């Protein structure tokens, strides 16, 4: 006779021995379906990723502004201290530097040289640190499911900062050469090497290999990538114009500017992730129809028209400024009423000796000699 073992019922006050494992959310499964994600879904996924991790992104960006705040506070403390101790020090020092700069003593020149050198070192150090923060944003986006600490992200980013700067310099020089030749080659090269930094930070491609990898990823998808970047550009410009021209929204301008940085990083990374998956799965080119190319061409034309309009307004402003300056400096225009001698004018009107013959004589003189 078989023995029946009674099942032990877990007590309500007792925790389960084996806890269910929580599977991390895969934010990028949407880009791994073997198809090119359309722009609308790309924007939605970008916002979804940022909304779920906005605290980490904002905290990383605060590190970018922290050195500037500290430096500004130090300068403010020095200036306030000088104003409290001796207000005449600043004014006398400024006057001395302006009028007697070539005749400064060697000790003062040494202090100025040290100050200038310290400012240059601070600028270069901050520039490198800004790259570290930017690369940390990309690495956090790539490893978002691991929830790494800021310290670990900075550690990874610092190890790759100099190689990343070199990749950006190479890509920037090539793209600049394209724009100097003409606008269209510059646009093509911008798209071709837009993913070089992601290839370096994520795949470990260095220097020219990162540029080559970016060219491989974008090959066959240039029109699609260009269209996605153009739509993103129009969204940003449209949002900024709304903020500028609608009263009461200027307060949110700084906040929106801050969140645009991580949104741009996520948006570009999503494009990279989508293209990498397509290339790895064997889909080498996009079936981009003529109407899609025409729409992209119109988007490019819109930017060119916008640039022409801005340049036209700038040229018009310069022309009007020069015209106004010439008008003011022309003595025959009598622009400055302060230069008119009302006393002499009234004296001439009230002068009984000023008769008709004098008036006729004045009229016969040139304008600059009359009166």
Protein backbone atom coordinates (compact mmCIF):
# COMPACT_ATOMS: atom_id res chain seq x y z
CA UNK A 1 0.00 0.00 0.00
CA UNK A 2 1.52 3.23 -1.18
CA UNK A 3 2.17 5.89 1.29
CA UNK A 4 0.60 9.22 0.51
CA UNK A 5 2.71 12.20 1.48
CA UNK A 6 0.59 15.13 2.51
CA UNK A 7 1.32 18.45 0.70
CA UNK A 8 2.58 21.17 2.93
CA UNK A 9 0.51 24.29 2.65
CA UNK A 10 2.60 27.47 2.91
CA UNK A 11 1.70 29.70 5.77
CA UNK A 12 0.33 33.15 5.00
CA UNK A 13 3.00 34.65 7.24
CA UNK A 14 5.83 32.78 5.54
CA UNK A 15 7.59 34.13 2.44
CA UNK A 16 7.89 31.80 -0.54
CA UNK A 17 11.15 29.87 -0.65
CA UNK A 18 11.71 30.57 -4.38
CA UNK A 19 10.89 34.04 -5.62
CA UNK A 20 9.90 34.64 -9.21
CA UNK A 21 12.59 36.28 -11.29
CA UNK A 22 11.57 39.59 -12.79
CA UNK A 23 12.59 39.80 -16.41
CA UNK A 24 14.08 43.19 -17.29
CA UNK A 25 12.24 45.25 -19.82
CA UNK A 26 13.79 45.03 -23.30
CA UNK A 27 13.27 48.50 -24.68
CA UNK A 28 14.98 47.60 -27.94
CA UNK A 29 12.99 44.52 -28.93
CA UNK A 30 10.99 46.93 -31.07
CA UNK A 31 14.09 47.48 -33.25
CA UNK A 32 14.98 43.80 -33.60
CA UNK A 33 12.06 42.61 -35.71
CA UNK A 34 14.00 42.58 -38.98
CA UNK A 35 12.26 45.65 -40.43
CA UNK A 36 13.02 49.34 -40.65
CA UNK A 37 11.07 51.20 -37.98
CA UNK A 38 9.10 54.16 -39.30
CA UNK A 39 9.72 57.65 -37.98
CA UNK A 40 6.56 57.89 -35.87
CA UNK A 41 7.34 54.67 -33.98
CA UNK A 42 10.96 55.73 -33.67
CA UNK A 43 9.91 58.95 -31.92
CA UNK A 44 7.46 57.09 -29.67
CA UNK A 45 10.10 54.58 -28.57
CA UNK A 46 12.59 57.38 -27.98
CA UNK A 47 10.17 59.12 -25.64
CA UNK A 48 9.27 55.84 -23.93
CA UNK A 49 12.92 55.08 -23.14
CA UNK A 50 13.54 58.60 -21.84
CA UNK A 51 10.38 58.63 -19.74
CA UNK A 52 11.32 55.36 -18.05
CA UNK A 53 14.89 56.52 -17.27
CA UNK A 54 14.67 60.32 -17.19
CA UNK A 55 16.13 60.62 -13.68
CA UNK A 56 19.43 58.97 -14.67
CA UNK A 57 19.66 61.05 -17.86
CA UNK A 58 19.04 64.34 -16.05
CA UNK A 59 21.48 63.39 -13.29
CA UNK A 60 24.19 62.69 -15.89
CA UNK A 61 23.55 66.07 -17.51
CA UNK A 62 23.78 67.86 -14.17
CA UNK A 63 27.38 66.68 -13.99
CA UNK A 64 27.98 68.57 -17.22
CA UNK A 65 26.82 71.86 -15.68
CA UNK A 66 28.39 71.33 -12.24
CA UNK A 67 31.94 72.56 -13.13
CA UNK A 68 30.52 75.71 -14.74
CA UNK A 69 28.42 76.45 -11.67
CA UNK A 70 31.41 75.96 -9.34
CA UNK A 71 33.64 78.12 -11.53
CA UNK A 72 30.99 80.85 -11.70
CA UNK A 73 30.53 80.78 -7.92
CA UNK A 74 34.27 81.13 -7.36
CA UNK A 75 34.45 84.15 -9.65
CA UNK A 76 31.39 85.65 -7.97
CA UNK A 77 32.90 85.17 -4.50
CA UNK A 78 36.15 86.85 -5.59
CA UNK A 79 34.34 89.83 -7.14
CA UNK A 80 32.00 90.29 -4.15
CA UNK A 81 34.94 90.06 -1.76
CA UNK A 82 36.83 92.75 -3.67
CA UNK A 83 33.76 94.96 -3.73
CA UNK A 84 33.30 94.61 0.02
CA UNK A 85 36.97 95.00 0.97
CA UNK A 86 37.84 97.81 -1.43
CA UNK A 87 35.43 98.85 -4.22
CA UNK A 88 38.14 100.98 -5.82
CA UNK A 89 40.34 97.96 -6.56
CA UNK A 90 38.28 96.70 -9.49
CA UNK A 91 37.86 100.08 -11.17
CA UNK A 92 41.52 101.03 -10.74
CA UNK A 93 42.69 97.62 -11.92
CA UNK A 94 40.48 97.79 -15.02
CA UNK A 95 41.68 101.31 -15.81
CA UNK A 96 45.29 100.27 -15.26
CA UNK A 97 44.96 97.25 -17.57
CA UNK A 98 43.32 99.31 -20.32
CA UNK A 99 45.59 102.35 -20.32
CA UNK A 100 48.91 100.96 -19.09
CA UNK A 101 48.79 97.36 -20.36
CA UNK A 102 52.11 97.54 -22.30
CA UNK A 103 53.89 99.02 -19.26
CA UNK A 104 52.83 96.46 -16.66
CA UNK A 105 55.53 95.28 -14.26
CA UNK A 106 56.97 91.82 -14.81
CA UNK A 107 55.26 90.54 -11.66
CA UNK A 108 51.83 91.58 -12.94
CA UNK A 109 52.55 90.00 -16.32
CA UNK A 110 53.49 86.77 -14.54
CA UNK A 111 50.19 86.77 -12.63
CA UNK A 112 48.23 87.45 -15.83
CA UNK A 113 50.09 84.70 -17.67
CA UNK A 114 49.34 82.22 -14.89
CA UNK A 115 45.67 83.25 -14.91
CA UNK A 116 45.42 82.85 -18.69
CA UNK A 117 47.18 79.49 -18.57
CA UNK A 118 44.85 78.32 -15.77
CA UNK A 119 41.83 79.40 -17.84
CA UNK A 120 43.11 77.46 -20.87
CA UNK A 121 43.75 74.35 -18.75
CA UNK A 122 40.28 74.62 -17.21
CA UNK A 123 38.70 74.96 -20.67
CA UNK A 124 40.53 71.92 -22.05
CA UNK A 125 39.75 69.85 -18.94
CA UNK A 126 36.09 70.83 -19.14
CA UNK A 127 36.01 70.04 -22.85
CA UNK A 128 37.32 66.52 -22.19
CA UNK A 129 34.88 66.13 -19.29
CA UNK A 130 32.00 67.16 -21.56
CA UNK A 131 32.99 64.34 -23.92
CA UNK A 132 33.04 61.94 -20.96
CA UNK A 133 29.49 62.94 -20.04
CA UNK A 134 28.29 62.70 -23.65
CA UNK A 135 29.80 59.23 -24.08
CA UNK A 136 28.30 58.18 -20.72
CA UNK A 137 24.85 59.10 -22.08
CA UNK A 138 25.40 56.80 -25.07
CA UNK A 139 26.76 53.96 -22.94
CA UNK A 140 23.83 54.29 -20.53
CA UNK A 141 21.41 54.13 -23.45
CA UNK A 142 23.12 50.99 -24.75
CA UNK A 143 23.14 49.29 -21.31
CA UNK A 144 19.89 50.71 -20.03
CA UNK A 145 18.57 47.33 -18.84
CA UNK A 146 21.63 46.88 -16.57
CA UNK A 147 20.97 50.08 -14.61
CA UNK A 148 24.64 50.86 -14.08
CA UNK A 149 25.68 53.50 -11.57
CA UNK A 150 26.89 56.92 -12.67
CA UNK A 151 30.36 56.07 -11.36
CA UNK A 152 30.56 52.94 -13.50
CA UNK A 153 29.28 54.81 -16.57
CA UNK A 154 31.90 57.53 -16.10
CA UNK A 155 34.58 54.87 -15.64
CA UNK A 156 33.66 53.18 -18.92
CA UNK A 157 33.36 56.50 -20.71
CA UNK A 158 36.72 57.81 -19.50
CA UNK A 159 38.50 54.72 -20.85
CA UNK A 160 37.12 55.50 -24.31
CA UNK A 161 37.16 59.29 -24.30
CA UNK A 162 40.37 59.91 -26.25
CA UNK A 163 39.59 57.33 -28.91
CA UNK A 164 36.09 58.77 -29.23
CA UNK A 165 37.46 62.30 -29.64
CA UNK A 166 39.80 61.05 -32.37
CA UNK A 167 36.90 59.39 -34.22
CA UNK A 168 34.88 62.59 -34.05
CA UNK A 169 37.83 64.65 -35.30
CA UNK A 170 38.32 62.34 -38.29
CA UNK A 171 34.62 62.35 -39.15
CA UNK A 172 34.37 66.12 -38.62
CA UNK A 173 37.30 66.89 -40.96
CA UNK A 174 35.90 64.70 -43.72
CA UNK A 175 32.39 66.17 -43.36
CA UNK A 176 33.79 69.72 -43.30
CA UNK A 177 35.68 69.04 -46.53
CA UNK A 178 32.42 67.85 -48.08
CA UNK A 179 30.59 71.03 -47.09
CA UNK A 180 33.45 73.16 -48.43
CA UNK A 181 33.17 71.43 -51.79
CA UNK A 182 29.41 71.89 -51.89
CA UNK A 183 26.42 71.40 -49.60
CA UNK A 184 25.26 68.10 -51.11
CA UNK A 185 28.54 66.18 -50.55
CA UNK A 186 28.56 67.51 -46.99
CA UNK A 187 25.05 66.16 -46.37
CA UNK A 188 25.96 62.77 -47.86
CA UNK A 189 29.11 62.48 -45.76
CA UNK A 190 27.22 63.61 -42.63
CA UNK A 191 24.81 60.70 -43.04
CA UNK A 192 27.55 58.26 -44.04
CA UNK A 193 29.61 58.87 -40.88
CA UNK A 194 26.80 59.75 -38.47
CA UNK A 195 27.14 56.42 -36.63
CA UNK A 196 30.94 56.32 -36.35
CA UNK A 197 30.94 57.25 -32.66
CA UNK A 198 28.36 54.55 -31.87
CA UNK A 199 30.47 51.99 -33.75
CA UNK A 200 33.47 52.94 -31.62
CA UNK A 201 31.77 53.08 -28.21
CA UNK A 202 29.64 49.97 -28.64
CA UNK A 203 31.47 47.73 -31.14
CA UNK A 204 35.00 48.82 -30.25
CA UNK A 205 35.90 49.98 -33.78
CA UNK A 206 38.76 52.49 -33.66
CA UNK A 207 39.69 55.40 -35.91
CA UNK A 208 39.15 54.69 -39.58
CA UNK A 209 37.56 51.33 -38.74
CA UNK A 210 34.74 53.18 -36.97
CA UNK A 211 34.22 55.36 -40.05
CA UNK A 212 34.21 52.28 -42.27
CA UNK A 213 31.69 50.54 -39.99
CA UNK A 214 29.42 53.60 -40.05
CA UNK A 215 29.58 53.62 -43.85
CA UNK A 216 28.61 49.92 -43.88
CA UNK A 217 25.64 50.49 -41.58
CA UNK A 218 24.29 53.46 -43.52
CA UNK A 219 24.92 52.02 -46.99
CA UNK A 220 21.59 51.46 -48.71
CA UNK A 221 19.68 53.43 -46.08
CA UNK A 222 20.95 56.98 -46.62
CA UNK A 223 17.58 58.34 -47.77
CA UNK A 224 15.80 56.73 -44.81
CA UNK A 225 18.34 58.03 -42.29
CA UNK A 226 18.30 61.51 -43.80
CA UNK A 227 14.52 61.65 -43.64
CA UNK A 228 14.49 60.62 -39.97
CA UNK A 229 17.09 63.22 -38.99
CA UNK A 230 15.27 65.93 -40.95
CA UNK A 231 11.95 65.21 -39.27
CA UNK A 232 13.70 65.30 -35.87
CA UNK A 233 15.25 68.64 -36.84
CA UNK A 234 11.89 70.09 -37.83
CA UNK A 235 10.34 68.92 -34.55
CA UNK A 236 13.06 70.65 -32.53
CA UNK A 237 12.91 73.88 -34.55
CA UNK A 238 9.10 73.90 -34.41
CA UNK A 239 9.11 73.38 -30.65
CA UNK A 240 11.64 76.15 -30.08
CA UNK A 241 9.65 78.57 -32.25
CA UNK A 242 6.50 77.79 -30.27
CA UNK A 243 8.35 78.53 -27.05
CA UNK A 244 9.77 81.78 -28.42
CA UNK A 245 6.56 83.25 -29.80
CA UNK A 246 3.94 82.11 -27.29
CA UNK A 247 3.93 84.29 -24.15
CA UNK A 248 4.44 82.46 -20.89
CA UNK A 249 6.36 79.51 -22.33
CA UNK A 250 9.81 81.11 -22.23
CA UNK A 251 10.15 79.80 -18.69
CA UNK A 252 10.29 76.22 -20.02
CA UNK A 253 12.95 76.98 -22.66
CA UNK A 254 15.92 75.99 -20.48
CA UNK A 255 14.21 72.82 -19.27
CA UNK A 256 13.33 71.74 -22.82
CA UNK A 257 16.89 72.46 -23.95
CA UNK A 258 18.19 70.13 -21.23
CA UNK A 259 15.96 67.20 -22.14
CA UNK A 260 16.67 67.58 -25.88
CA UNK A 261 20.23 66.31 -25.36
CA UNK A 262 19.33 62.83 -24.04
CA UNK A 263 16.41 62.61 -26.45
CA UNK A 264 18.78 63.23 -29.37
CA UNK A 265 21.18 60.59 -28.04
CA UNK A 266 18.40 58.01 -27.67
CA UNK A 267 16.96 58.86 -31.10
CA UNK A 268 20.35 58.38 -32.84
CA UNK A 269 21.08 55.21 -30.87
CA UNK A 270 17.72 53.75 -31.91
CA UNK A 271 18.62 54.39 -35.55
CA UNK A 272 21.99 52.70 -34.99
CA UNK A 273 20.40 49.72 -33.22
CA UNK A 274 17.79 49.28 -35.93
CA UNK A 275 20.34 49.44 -38.77
CA UNK A 276 22.77 47.10 -37.00
CA UNK A 277 20.03 44.50 -36.61
CA UNK A 278 19.01 44.86 -40.26
CA UNK A 279 22.58 44.46 -41.49
CA UNK A 280 23.23 41.48 -39.23
CA UNK A 281 20.05 39.81 -40.48
CA UNK A 282 21.11 40.23 -44.12
CA UNK A 283 18.83 43.09 -45.17
CA UNK A 284 21.41 45.25 -46.91
CA UNK A 285 19.24 47.95 -48.50
CA UNK A 286 15.93 49.69 -48.02
CA UNK A 287 13.13 49.64 -50.57
CA UNK A 288 12.85 53.42 -50.69
CA UNK A 289 10.22 54.52 -53.20
CA UNK A 290 10.35 57.60 -55.42
CA UNK A 291 7.68 59.44 -53.43
CA UNK A 292 9.71 58.93 -50.25
CA UNK A 293 12.82 60.33 -51.94
CA UNK A 294 10.80 63.29 -53.22
CA UNK A 295 9.46 64.00 -49.73
CA UNK A 296 12.99 63.85 -48.32
CA UNK A 297 14.15 66.22 -51.05
CA UNK A 298 11.39 68.65 -50.06
CA UNK A 299 12.51 68.46 -46.44
CA UNK A 300 16.06 69.31 -47.49
CA UNK A 301 14.73 72.16 -49.62
CA UNK A 302 12.83 73.50 -46.63
CA UNK A 303 16.04 73.71 -44.60
CA UNK A 304 17.86 75.42 -47.46
CA UNK A 305 15.03 77.95 -47.79
CA UNK A 306 15.14 78.54 -44.04
CA UNK A 307 18.91 79.15 -44.20
CA UNK A 308 18.49 81.53 -47.14
CA UNK A 309 15.78 83.48 -45.30
CA UNK A 310 17.89 83.76 -42.15
CA UNK A 311 20.93 84.88 -44.16
CA UNK A 312 18.73 87.37 -46.03
CA UNK A 313 17.46 88.92 -42.81
CA UNK A 314 21.01 89.09 -41.45
CA UNK A 315 22.25 90.80 -44.63
CA UNK A 316 19.30 93.21 -44.53
CA UNK A 317 20.07 94.05 -40.91
CA UNK A 318 23.72 94.72 -41.74
CA UNK A 319 22.71 96.90 -44.71
CA UNK A 320 20.19 98.90 -42.68
CA UNK A 321 22.72 99.30 -39.87
CA UNK A 322 25.33 100.68 -42.27
CA UNK A 323 22.76 102.95 -43.89
CA UNK A 324 21.65 104.34 -40.54
CA UNK A 325 25.26 104.82 -39.46
CA UNK A 326 26.09 106.71 -42.66
CA UNK A 327 22.97 108.83 -42.24
CA UNK A 328 23.91 109.74 -38.70
CA UNK A 329 27.50 110.55 -39.62
CA UNK A 330 26.52 112.78 -42.54
CA UNK A 331 26.68 116.43 -41.36
CA UNK A 332 24.23 117.56 -44.04
CA UNK A 333 21.43 115.41 -42.61
CA UNK A 334 21.39 117.33 -39.28
CA UNK A 335 20.39 114.01 -37.65
CA UNK A 336 21.46 114.87 -34.16
CA UNK A 337 19.17 117.52 -32.79
CA UNK A 338 21.65 118.05 -29.97
CA UNK A 339 24.01 119.56 -32.54
CA UNK A 340 21.45 122.17 -33.55
CA UNK A 341 22.13 125.53 -31.99
CA UNK A 342 18.66 126.71 -31.05
CA UNK A 343 20.08 129.80 -29.36
CA UNK A 344 21.70 130.98 -32.57
CA UNK A 345 18.51 130.14 -34.47
CA UNK A 346 16.34 132.20 -32.16
CA UNK A 347 18.91 134.96 -32.10
CA UNK A 348 18.82 135.16 -35.90
CA UNK A 349 15.01 135.33 -35.87
CA UNK A 350 14.99 138.09 -33.28
CA UNK A 351 17.88 140.00 -34.80
CA UNK A 352 16.49 143.20 -36.26
CA UNK A 353 19.65 143.73 -38.29
CA UNK A 354 18.99 140.50 -40.19
CA UNK A 355 17.18 141.91 -43.25
CA UNK A 356 16.12 140.58 -46.60
CA UNK A 357 19.49 141.27 -48.20
CA UNK A 358 21.21 139.10 -45.57
CA UNK A 359 18.70 136.33 -46.20
CA UNK A 360 19.36 136.44 -49.95
CA UNK A 361 23.11 136.37 -49.30
CA UNK A 362 22.77 133.32 -47.05
CA UNK A 363 20.67 131.52 -49.63
CA UNK A 364 23.38 131.98 -52.25
CA UNK A 365 25.97 130.26 -50.04
CA UNK A 366 26.56 126.49 -50.07
CA UNK A 367 24.62 124.47 -47.51
CA UNK A 368 27.62 123.93 -45.27
CA UNK A 369 28.42 127.65 -45.16
CA UNK A 370 24.93 129.05 -44.68
CA UNK A 371 24.11 130.67 -41.33
